[in-house]
Protein backbone atom coordinates (compact mmCIF):
# COMPACT_ATOMS: atom_id res chain seq x y z
CA MET A 1 38.59 18.94 -34.58
CA ASP A 2 36.05 19.27 -37.40
CA GLN A 3 35.34 16.51 -39.88
CA THR A 4 37.39 18.02 -42.69
CA GLY A 5 40.41 18.27 -40.46
CA MET A 6 39.99 14.72 -39.37
CA LYS A 7 39.79 13.47 -43.04
CA ASN A 8 43.26 14.86 -43.87
CA THR A 9 44.69 12.37 -41.38
CA ILE A 10 43.25 9.49 -43.35
CA THR A 11 45.25 7.84 -46.15
CA ILE A 12 43.41 6.04 -48.83
CA LEU A 13 45.21 3.74 -51.33
CA VAL A 14 43.42 3.64 -54.73
CA VAL A 15 44.23 0.43 -56.68
CA ASP A 16 43.14 0.17 -60.31
CA ASP A 17 44.92 -0.80 -63.51
CA GLU A 18 43.17 2.04 -65.38
CA GLN A 19 44.95 5.34 -64.96
CA MET A 20 41.69 7.32 -65.64
CA MET A 21 39.97 5.58 -62.78
CA ARG A 22 42.86 6.24 -60.40
CA ASP A 23 42.83 9.86 -61.44
CA LEU A 24 39.08 10.24 -61.02
CA LEU A 25 39.02 8.71 -57.56
CA THR A 26 42.10 10.80 -56.54
CA LYS A 27 40.19 13.91 -57.65
CA ILE A 28 37.00 13.08 -55.78
CA LEU A 29 38.68 11.92 -52.55
CA SER A 30 41.24 14.74 -52.49
CA ARG A 31 38.42 17.21 -52.78
CA ASP A 32 36.87 15.49 -49.78
CA GLY A 33 40.08 16.18 -47.82
CA TYR A 34 41.61 12.61 -47.76
CA ARG A 35 45.32 11.88 -48.50
CA ILE A 36 45.49 9.64 -51.61
CA LEU A 37 48.07 7.21 -52.83
CA THR A 38 47.66 5.10 -55.93
CA ALA A 39 48.81 1.77 -57.28
CA GLU A 40 48.25 0.13 -60.65
CA ASP A 41 47.58 -3.42 -59.40
CA GLY A 42 47.52 -5.56 -56.26
CA GLN A 43 51.23 -6.24 -56.37
CA ALA A 44 52.09 -2.57 -56.40
CA ALA A 45 49.58 -2.01 -53.56
CA LEU A 46 51.31 -4.58 -51.39
CA GLU A 47 54.58 -2.73 -51.86
CA MET A 48 52.79 0.54 -50.88
CA LEU A 49 51.53 -1.12 -47.73
CA ASP A 50 55.10 -1.81 -46.61
CA GLN A 51 56.11 1.85 -47.19
CA HIS A 52 53.14 3.84 -45.98
CA GLN A 53 50.49 3.94 -43.20
CA ILE A 54 47.25 3.18 -45.06
CA ASP A 55 43.81 3.42 -43.48
CA LEU A 56 41.63 2.36 -46.33
CA ILE A 57 42.07 0.72 -49.73
CA ILE A 58 39.73 1.14 -52.69
CA SER A 59 40.54 -1.66 -55.16
CA ASP A 60 39.24 -2.79 -58.49
CA MET A 61 38.55 -6.50 -58.61
CA LYS A 62 39.96 -7.32 -62.10
CA MET A 63 43.58 -6.39 -62.50
CA PRO A 64 46.77 -7.98 -63.85
CA ARG A 65 49.51 -9.54 -61.62
CA LEU A 66 47.47 -9.58 -58.33
CA ASN A 67 43.67 -9.12 -58.61
CA GLY A 68 41.47 -7.46 -56.06
CA PHE A 69 40.25 -10.77 -54.50
CA GLU A 70 43.85 -11.86 -53.88
CA LEU A 71 44.67 -8.39 -52.49
CA LEU A 72 41.60 -8.51 -50.20
CA LYS A 73 42.62 -11.88 -48.82
CA ILE A 74 46.21 -10.71 -48.07
CA VAL A 75 45.11 -7.43 -46.56
CA LYS A 76 42.50 -9.00 -44.28
CA LYS A 77 45.08 -11.60 -43.07
CA ASP A 78 48.20 -9.39 -42.82
CA TYR A 79 46.75 -5.91 -42.25
CA PRO A 80 43.42 -6.51 -40.42
CA THR A 81 42.93 -2.90 -39.38
CA ILE A 82 43.01 -1.61 -42.98
CA GLY A 83 39.50 -1.22 -44.50
CA MET A 84 38.78 -2.43 -48.00
CA ILE A 85 36.18 -1.13 -50.47
CA MET A 86 35.96 -3.28 -53.70
CA MET A 87 35.00 -1.90 -57.07
CA THR A 88 33.29 -3.93 -59.75
CA ALA A 89 31.56 -3.42 -62.98
CA TYR A 90 27.79 -2.84 -62.90
CA GLY A 91 25.74 -5.99 -62.50
CA ASP A 92 28.39 -8.41 -61.25
CA THR A 93 26.57 -9.19 -58.09
CA TYR A 94 28.22 -12.63 -57.47
CA THR A 95 31.60 -10.89 -57.31
CA VAL A 96 30.26 -8.35 -54.84
CA LYS A 97 28.85 -11.11 -52.57
CA ASP A 98 32.13 -13.05 -52.68
CA ALA A 99 34.10 -9.91 -51.77
CA LEU A 100 31.84 -9.12 -48.83
CA LEU A 101 32.15 -12.72 -47.67
CA LEU A 102 35.96 -12.46 -47.83
CA GLY A 103 35.80 -9.32 -45.50
CA ALA A 104 35.36 -6.27 -47.77
CA ASP A 105 33.84 -3.45 -45.78
CA GLU A 106 31.95 -1.83 -48.76
CA TYR A 107 31.72 -1.99 -52.47
CA LEU A 108 31.41 0.44 -55.29
CA THR A 109 29.72 -0.38 -58.64
CA LYS A 110 31.13 1.19 -61.73
CA PRO A 111 30.03 3.56 -63.15
CA PHE A 112 29.50 5.57 -59.95
CA LYS A 113 28.75 9.22 -59.04
CA SER A 114 31.21 11.22 -56.90
CA PHE A 115 28.75 11.53 -54.02
CA GLU A 116 28.49 7.75 -53.92
CA VAL A 117 32.21 7.44 -53.49
CA SER A 118 32.25 10.01 -50.66
CA LEU A 119 29.38 8.38 -48.83
CA ILE A 120 30.75 4.81 -49.12
CA VAL A 121 34.24 5.92 -47.99
CA GLU A 122 32.88 7.81 -45.03
CA ARG A 123 30.63 4.82 -44.02
CA ALA A 124 33.55 2.41 -44.36
CA TYR A 125 35.81 4.65 -42.29
CA TRP A 126 33.36 4.98 -39.41
CA ARG A 127 32.75 1.19 -39.45
CA ILE A 128 36.49 0.64 -39.24
CA LEU A 129 36.85 3.13 -36.47
CA SER A 130 34.09 1.54 -34.34
CA ALA A 131 35.51 -1.94 -34.96
CA SER A 132 38.92 -0.81 -33.76
CA GLY A 133 37.43 0.11 -30.37
CA ARG A 134 38.36 3.76 -30.58
CA SER A 135 35.53 6.07 -29.71
CA ILE A 136 34.23 8.58 -32.12
CA ASP A 137 34.56 11.29 -29.46
CA ALA A 138 38.29 10.50 -29.10
CA GLU A 139 38.69 10.60 -32.89
CA LEU A 140 36.90 13.96 -33.10
CA GLN A 141 39.17 15.47 -30.39
CA GLU A 142 42.49 14.47 -32.16
């Protein structure tokens, strides 16, 4: 199976309280071939995790109800096979460091370019795949 065909088996949950950001990421990632779900905050994201098979979450850090850090902690504890990419505003390096220490796989700094999103998502996916013990050859053959 080629890489594009493989991507359409991957479901990414985009979590951000800004509709415009959810729409932008949906557009970029759909164009790359991924299946996309969205949630407006961490609480809504947790509800989505109970209803859907999610491979990767891209989450903003600052949101109402349940923020990105709280979501990251819950996902890493209760859904350890799901990858997490955290988003933060430019220059907030302490926040990025804390997220990585808590188990985030990657991070995105806003504002970002679409190619950066594609690259970081792909890198996170392959890291998760290798950590799961599945071989890349097996994944390519599916």
